[in-house]
């Protein structure tokens, strides 16, 4: 299983995003997202659709900085919006693909990421 993702932001706004997943070297899914003419065009495995939003933030941004009062983020890998929930102060999570990602921040910097799935739980902690 392999996954690659690339995104470009300007002023905390997603401009372009790409994600691909592969299984045994074969393409499983491909999602391409681009902002144009006031909306986002999403191509998922060759099928194009629109998201009528003019200012999205991708879930990948949560790996780098604390969110700003948003209620949803865009999942680059699946091409759809995810609801954000606050677990406690400076701790946020969202669910997708039967996984739950819990992001815990300290002074605006990600300190811990916990990914829970029905088969496993992985925790990444920032070294001090």
N, C-alpha and C. Protein backbone atom coordinates (compact mmCIF):
# COMPACT_ATOMS: atom_id res chain seq x y z
N UNK A 1 0.84 -1.17 0.00
CA UNK A 1 0.00 0.00 0.00
C UNK A 1 0.89 1.23 0.00
N UNK A 2 0.60 2.18 -0.87
CA UNK A 2 1.36 3.42 -0.93
C UNK A 2 0.42 4.61 -1.09
N UNK A 3 0.83 5.74 -0.54
CA UNK A 3 0.01 6.94 -0.64
C UNK A 3 0.92 8.14 -0.82
N UNK A 4 0.59 9.02 -1.77
CA UNK A 4 1.30 10.28 -1.94
C UNK A 4 0.27 11.40 -2.01
N UNK A 5 0.66 12.54 -1.47
CA UNK A 5 -0.24 13.69 -1.44
C UNK A 5 0.59 14.95 -1.56
N UNK A 6 0.10 15.90 -2.35
CA UNK A 6 0.75 17.20 -2.53
C UNK A 6 -0.34 18.27 -2.49
N UNK A 7 -0.04 19.39 -1.85
CA UNK A 7 -1.00 20.48 -1.83
C UNK A 7 -0.28 21.81 -1.84
N UNK A 8 -0.95 22.81 -2.40
CA UNK A 8 -0.42 24.17 -2.46
C UNK A 8 -1.45 25.11 -1.84
N UNK A 9 -0.96 25.97 -0.94
CA UNK A 9 -1.82 26.93 -0.26
C UNK A 9 -1.32 28.34 -0.50
N UNK A 10 -2.26 29.29 -0.52
CA UNK A 10 -1.94 30.71 -0.53
C UNK A 10 -2.84 31.36 0.51
N UNK A 11 -2.23 32.04 1.49
CA UNK A 11 -2.99 32.68 2.57
C UNK A 11 -3.95 31.70 3.26
N UNK A 12 -3.44 30.51 3.57
CA UNK A 12 -4.22 29.45 4.24
C UNK A 12 -5.43 28.99 3.44
N UNK A 13 -5.40 29.11 2.14
CA UNK A 13 -6.48 28.67 1.26
C UNK A 13 -5.93 27.64 0.30
N UNK A 14 -6.59 26.49 0.20
CA UNK A 14 -6.17 25.45 -0.72
C UNK A 14 -6.32 25.95 -2.15
N UNK A 15 -5.25 25.85 -2.92
CA UNK A 15 -5.27 26.26 -4.33
C UNK A 15 -5.28 25.03 -5.23
N UNK A 16 -4.44 24.05 -4.90
CA UNK A 16 -4.38 22.81 -5.67
C UNK A 16 -3.98 21.67 -4.75
N UNK A 17 -4.58 20.52 -4.96
CA UNK A 17 -4.24 19.34 -4.16
C UNK A 17 -4.31 18.09 -5.01
N UNK A 18 -3.41 17.16 -4.74
CA UNK A 18 -3.39 15.90 -5.46
C UNK A 18 -3.11 14.78 -4.48
N UNK A 19 -3.77 13.65 -4.66
CA UNK A 19 -3.53 12.48 -3.81
C UNK A 19 -3.71 11.22 -4.65
N UNK A 20 -2.80 10.27 -4.43
CA UNK A 20 -2.88 8.98 -5.11
C UNK A 20 -2.62 7.88 -4.11
N UNK A 21 -3.38 6.80 -4.22
CA UNK A 21 -3.09 5.63 -3.41
C UNK A 21 -2.90 4.43 -4.35
N UNK A 22 -1.97 3.58 -3.96
CA UNK A 22 -1.64 2.40 -4.77
C UNK A 22 -1.62 1.16 -3.88
N UNK A 23 -2.00 0.05 -4.49
CA UNK A 23 -1.93 -1.25 -3.83
C UNK A 23 -1.15 -2.17 -4.74
N UNK A 24 -0.10 -2.78 -4.19
CA UNK A 24 0.77 -3.66 -4.97
C UNK A 24 1.28 -2.99 -6.24
N UNK A 25 1.56 -1.69 -6.15
CA UNK A 25 2.09 -0.95 -7.28
C UNK A 25 1.06 -0.50 -8.30
N UNK A 26 -0.20 -0.87 -8.10
CA UNK A 26 -1.26 -0.50 -9.04
C UNK A 26 -2.10 0.64 -8.46
N UNK A 27 -2.46 1.58 -9.31
CA UNK A 27 -3.24 2.74 -8.88
C UNK A 27 -4.60 2.29 -8.36
N UNK A 28 -4.90 2.67 -7.12
CA UNK A 28 -6.19 2.36 -6.50
C UNK A 28 -7.14 3.53 -6.63
N UNK A 29 -6.63 4.75 -6.36
CA UNK A 29 -7.46 5.94 -6.52
C UNK A 29 -6.57 7.15 -6.79
N UNK A 30 -7.16 8.13 -7.47
CA UNK A 30 -6.47 9.36 -7.81
C UNK A 30 -7.46 10.51 -7.66
N UNK A 31 -7.06 11.52 -6.86
CA UNK A 31 -7.93 12.68 -6.63
C UNK A 31 -7.13 13.94 -6.94
N UNK A 32 -7.68 14.78 -7.79
CA UNK A 32 -7.05 16.05 -8.17
C UNK A 32 -8.06 17.16 -7.88
N UNK A 33 -7.62 18.18 -7.12
CA UNK A 33 -8.50 19.28 -6.73
C UNK A 33 -7.82 20.59 -7.11
N UNK A 34 -8.59 21.49 -7.73
CA UNK A 34 -8.04 22.79 -8.11
C UNK A 34 -9.10 23.88 -7.91
N UNK A 35 -8.66 25.02 -7.38
CA UNK A 35 -9.55 26.16 -7.21
C UNK A 35 -9.54 26.97 -8.50
N UNK A 36 -10.73 27.25 -9.03
CA UNK A 36 -10.84 28.07 -10.25
C UNK A 36 -12.22 28.72 -10.32
N UNK A 37 -12.22 29.94 -10.76
CA UNK A 37 -13.46 30.69 -10.99
C UNK A 37 -14.41 30.69 -9.79
N UNK A 38 -13.88 30.72 -8.57
CA UNK A 38 -14.73 30.83 -7.39
C UNK A 38 -15.26 29.53 -6.81
N UNK A 39 -14.81 28.39 -7.32
CA UNK A 39 -15.23 27.08 -6.80
C UNK A 39 -14.07 26.09 -6.92
N UNK A 40 -14.25 24.92 -6.36
CA UNK A 40 -13.23 23.87 -6.47
C UNK A 40 -13.71 22.80 -7.43
N UNK A 41 -12.84 22.45 -8.35
CA UNK A 41 -13.12 21.37 -9.28
C UNK A 41 -12.39 20.14 -8.77
N UNK A 42 -13.12 19.05 -8.62
CA UNK A 42 -12.56 17.82 -8.07
C UNK A 42 -12.68 16.71 -9.11
N UNK A 43 -11.56 16.06 -9.38
CA UNK A 43 -11.55 14.92 -10.29
C UNK A 43 -11.15 13.69 -9.48
N UNK A 44 -12.10 12.77 -9.35
CA UNK A 44 -11.85 11.53 -8.62
C UNK A 44 -11.92 10.39 -9.61
N UNK A 45 -10.77 9.79 -9.87
CA UNK A 45 -10.67 8.65 -10.79
C UNK A 45 -11.34 8.93 -12.13
N UNK A 46 -11.14 10.15 -12.65
CA UNK A 46 -11.65 10.51 -13.96
C UNK A 46 -13.03 11.13 -13.97
N UNK A 47 -13.70 11.18 -12.82
CA UNK A 47 -15.04 11.78 -12.74
C UNK A 47 -14.92 13.15 -12.09
N UNK A 48 -15.41 14.17 -12.78
CA UNK A 48 -15.27 15.55 -12.32
C UNK A 48 -16.55 16.04 -11.65
N UNK A 49 -16.36 16.77 -10.54
CA UNK A 49 -17.49 17.39 -9.85
C UNK A 49 -17.02 18.74 -9.30
N UNK A 50 -17.97 19.50 -8.73
CA UNK A 50 -17.66 20.81 -8.16
C UNK A 50 -18.00 20.82 -6.68
N UNK A 51 -17.21 21.58 -5.93
CA UNK A 51 -17.55 21.91 -4.55
C UNK A 51 -17.71 23.42 -4.53
N UNK A 52 -18.92 23.86 -4.23
CA UNK A 52 -19.23 25.29 -4.26
C UNK A 52 -18.77 25.93 -2.95
N UNK A 53 -17.50 26.18 -2.89
CA UNK A 53 -16.86 26.79 -1.74
C UNK A 53 -15.71 27.61 -2.29
N UNK A 54 -15.49 28.78 -1.75
CA UNK A 54 -14.41 29.60 -2.30
C UNK A 54 -13.21 29.72 -1.35
N UNK A 55 -13.21 28.93 -0.27
CA UNK A 55 -12.11 29.02 0.68
C UNK A 55 -12.03 27.76 1.53
N UNK A 56 -11.36 26.74 1.03
CA UNK A 56 -11.24 25.47 1.76
C UNK A 56 -9.84 25.31 2.34
N UNK A 57 -9.80 24.56 3.43
CA UNK A 57 -8.54 24.15 4.04
C UNK A 57 -8.51 22.64 4.01
N UNK A 58 -7.39 22.09 3.60
CA UNK A 58 -7.24 20.64 3.56
C UNK A 58 -6.90 20.07 4.93
N UNK A 59 -7.29 18.84 5.16
CA UNK A 59 -6.99 18.17 6.43
C UNK A 59 -5.49 18.04 6.64
N UNK A 60 -4.72 18.05 5.56
CA UNK A 60 -3.25 17.93 5.68
C UNK A 60 -2.63 19.11 6.41
N UNK A 61 -3.29 20.25 6.42
CA UNK A 61 -2.76 21.42 7.11
C UNK A 61 -2.68 21.20 8.62
N UNK A 62 -3.52 20.30 9.15
CA UNK A 62 -3.53 20.00 10.58
C UNK A 62 -2.23 19.34 11.05
N UNK A 63 -1.43 18.85 10.13
CA UNK A 63 -0.14 18.26 10.51
C UNK A 63 0.89 19.35 10.81
N UNK A 64 0.56 20.59 10.47
CA UNK A 64 1.53 21.67 10.59
C UNK A 64 1.10 22.80 11.52
N UNK A 65 -0.19 23.09 11.56
CA UNK A 65 -0.62 24.21 12.39
C UNK A 65 -2.01 23.97 12.95
N UNK A 66 -2.29 24.68 14.03
CA UNK A 66 -3.57 24.55 14.71
C UNK A 66 -4.67 25.18 13.86
N UNK A 67 -5.84 24.55 13.81
CA UNK A 67 -6.94 25.06 12.99
C UNK A 67 -7.50 26.37 13.51
N UNK A 68 -8.17 27.09 12.63
CA UNK A 68 -8.78 28.38 12.96
C UNK A 68 -10.30 28.26 12.89
N UNK A 69 -10.94 27.98 13.98
CA UNK A 69 -12.39 28.01 14.11
C UNK A 69 -13.17 27.43 12.93
N UNK A 70 -12.62 26.47 12.22
CA UNK A 70 -13.36 25.86 11.13
C UNK A 70 -14.21 24.70 11.62
N UNK A 71 -15.26 24.40 10.89
CA UNK A 71 -16.12 23.28 11.24
C UNK A 71 -15.91 22.11 10.30
N UNK A 72 -15.24 22.37 9.17
CA UNK A 72 -14.98 21.31 8.20
C UNK A 72 -13.60 21.50 7.57
N UNK A 73 -13.03 20.39 7.14
CA UNK A 73 -11.80 20.41 6.37
C UNK A 73 -12.01 19.51 5.15
N UNK A 74 -11.16 19.70 4.15
CA UNK A 74 -11.25 18.93 2.91
C UNK A 74 -10.25 17.78 2.96
N UNK A 75 -10.73 16.58 2.71
CA UNK A 75 -9.87 15.40 2.68
C UNK A 75 -9.35 15.21 1.26
N UNK A 76 -8.07 15.50 1.06
CA UNK A 76 -7.47 15.40 -0.28
C UNK A 76 -7.58 13.98 -0.84
N UNK A 77 -7.46 12.98 0.01
CA UNK A 77 -7.42 11.59 -0.44
C UNK A 77 -8.76 11.08 -0.97
N UNK A 78 -9.86 11.64 -0.47
CA UNK A 78 -11.17 11.14 -0.89
C UNK A 78 -12.01 12.19 -1.61
N UNK A 79 -11.54 13.43 -1.64
CA UNK A 79 -12.23 14.48 -2.38
C UNK A 79 -13.55 14.92 -1.78
N UNK A 80 -13.63 14.94 -0.46
CA UNK A 80 -14.86 15.40 0.18
C UNK A 80 -14.55 16.07 1.52
N UNK A 81 -15.57 16.73 2.06
CA UNK A 81 -15.42 17.47 3.31
C UNK A 81 -15.58 16.54 4.51
N UNK A 82 -14.83 16.86 5.58
CA UNK A 82 -14.92 16.13 6.84
C UNK A 82 -15.30 17.10 7.94
N UNK A 83 -16.13 16.65 8.86
CA UNK A 83 -16.49 17.46 10.02
C UNK A 83 -15.37 17.41 11.05
N UNK A 84 -15.10 18.56 11.67
CA UNK A 84 -14.09 18.66 12.72
C UNK A 84 -14.82 18.74 14.06
N UNK A 85 -14.29 18.04 15.05
CA UNK A 85 -14.85 18.13 16.39
C UNK A 85 -13.72 18.43 17.37
N UNK A 86 -14.04 19.18 18.38
CA UNK A 86 -13.05 19.50 19.42
C UNK A 86 -13.24 18.49 20.54
N UNK A 87 -12.17 17.77 20.88
CA UNK A 87 -12.23 16.81 21.98
C UNK A 87 -12.03 17.52 23.31
N UNK A 88 -11.05 18.38 23.35
CA UNK A 88 -10.78 19.23 24.51
C UNK A 88 -10.02 20.43 23.98
N UNK A 89 -9.68 21.37 24.84
CA UNK A 89 -8.95 22.54 24.38
C UNK A 89 -7.66 22.12 23.69
N UNK A 90 -7.41 22.66 22.50
CA UNK A 90 -6.22 22.38 21.70
C UNK A 90 -6.15 20.94 21.19
N UNK A 91 -7.28 20.27 21.12
CA UNK A 91 -7.32 18.89 20.64
C UNK A 91 -8.53 18.73 19.71
N UNK A 92 -8.29 18.32 18.47
CA UNK A 92 -9.32 18.24 17.44
C UNK A 92 -9.26 16.88 16.75
N UNK A 93 -10.42 16.41 16.29
CA UNK A 93 -10.41 15.16 15.54
C UNK A 93 -11.40 15.21 14.39
N UNK A 94 -11.14 14.33 13.42
CA UNK A 94 -12.09 14.10 12.34
C UNK A 94 -12.00 12.63 11.97
N UNK A 95 -13.08 12.14 11.34
CA UNK A 95 -13.16 10.73 10.98
C UNK A 95 -13.27 10.60 9.47
N UNK A 96 -12.60 9.58 8.93
CA UNK A 96 -12.73 9.24 7.52
C UNK A 96 -12.23 7.83 7.28
N UNK A 97 -12.77 7.17 6.29
CA UNK A 97 -12.35 5.81 5.93
C UNK A 97 -12.23 4.89 7.14
N UNK A 98 -13.20 4.93 8.03
CA UNK A 98 -13.21 4.12 9.25
C UNK A 98 -12.04 4.41 10.18
N UNK A 99 -11.41 5.58 10.00
CA UNK A 99 -10.31 5.99 10.86
C UNK A 99 -10.69 7.28 11.57
N UNK A 100 -10.11 7.46 12.74
CA UNK A 100 -10.29 8.70 13.49
C UNK A 100 -8.90 9.27 13.72
N UNK A 101 -8.71 10.53 13.36
CA UNK A 101 -7.43 11.21 13.57
C UNK A 101 -7.62 12.26 14.65
N UNK A 102 -6.85 12.13 15.73
CA UNK A 102 -6.89 13.07 16.83
C UNK A 102 -5.59 13.87 16.82
N UNK A 103 -5.71 15.19 16.68
CA UNK A 103 -4.56 16.10 16.62
C UNK A 103 -4.53 16.93 17.89
N UNK A 104 -3.42 16.87 18.62
CA UNK A 104 -3.29 17.62 19.87
C UNK A 104 -2.16 18.63 19.72
N UNK A 105 -2.47 19.89 20.02
CA UNK A 105 -1.53 21.00 19.83
C UNK A 105 -1.11 21.59 21.17
N UNK A 106 0.09 22.16 21.18
CA UNK A 106 0.58 22.92 22.32
C UNK A 106 1.24 24.18 21.78
N UNK A 107 0.80 25.33 22.24
CA UNK A 107 1.31 26.61 21.73
C UNK A 107 1.20 26.70 20.21
N UNK A 108 0.12 26.15 19.64
CA UNK A 108 -0.12 26.23 18.21
C UNK A 108 0.65 25.24 17.36
N UNK A 109 1.45 24.36 17.99
CA UNK A 109 2.27 23.39 17.27
C UNK A 109 1.77 21.98 17.56
N UNK A 110 1.64 21.16 16.51
CA UNK A 110 1.19 19.78 16.68
C UNK A 110 2.18 19.02 17.57
N UNK A 111 1.67 18.42 18.64
CA UNK A 111 2.51 17.66 19.56
C UNK A 111 2.25 16.16 19.46
N UNK A 112 1.00 15.80 19.13
CA UNK A 112 0.66 14.38 19.09
C UNK A 112 -0.42 14.13 18.04
N UNK A 113 -0.26 13.05 17.31
CA UNK A 113 -1.24 12.61 16.32
C UNK A 113 -1.57 11.16 16.62
N UNK A 114 -2.84 10.89 16.85
CA UNK A 114 -3.28 9.52 17.12
C UNK A 114 -4.24 9.12 16.02
N UNK A 115 -3.93 8.05 15.32
CA UNK A 115 -4.78 7.53 14.25
C UNK A 115 -5.35 6.21 14.74
N UNK A 116 -6.68 6.17 14.87
CA UNK A 116 -7.36 4.97 15.36
C UNK A 116 -8.18 4.34 14.24
N UNK A 117 -8.06 3.06 14.12
CA UNK A 117 -8.79 2.26 13.14
C UNK A 117 -9.35 1.07 13.91
N UNK A 118 -10.30 0.39 13.37
CA UNK A 118 -10.85 -0.76 14.09
C UNK A 118 -9.81 -1.86 14.30
N UNK A 119 -8.76 -1.87 13.48
CA UNK A 119 -7.72 -2.91 13.60
C UNK A 119 -6.47 -2.45 14.33
N UNK A 120 -6.29 -1.13 14.48
CA UNK A 120 -5.05 -0.65 15.09
C UNK A 120 -5.21 0.78 15.59
N UNK A 121 -4.26 1.19 16.42
CA UNK A 121 -4.11 2.59 16.84
C UNK A 121 -2.63 2.92 16.78
N UNK A 122 -2.31 4.02 16.11
CA UNK A 122 -0.92 4.48 15.98
C UNK A 122 -0.85 5.87 16.60
N UNK A 123 0.18 6.11 17.42
CA UNK A 123 0.37 7.42 18.02
C UNK A 123 1.75 7.95 17.66
N UNK A 124 1.77 9.17 17.12
CA UNK A 124 3.02 9.87 16.81
C UNK A 124 3.15 11.02 17.79
N UNK A 125 4.33 11.13 18.44
CA UNK A 125 4.56 12.21 19.38
C UNK A 125 5.79 12.99 18.98
N UNK A 126 5.70 14.30 19.11
CA UNK A 126 6.83 15.17 18.80
C UNK A 126 7.87 15.06 19.90
N UNK A 127 9.12 14.94 19.50
CA UNK A 127 10.21 14.88 20.49
C UNK A 127 10.39 16.25 21.12
N UNK A 128 10.75 16.25 22.36
CA UNK A 128 10.98 17.52 23.08
C UNK A 128 12.44 17.76 23.26
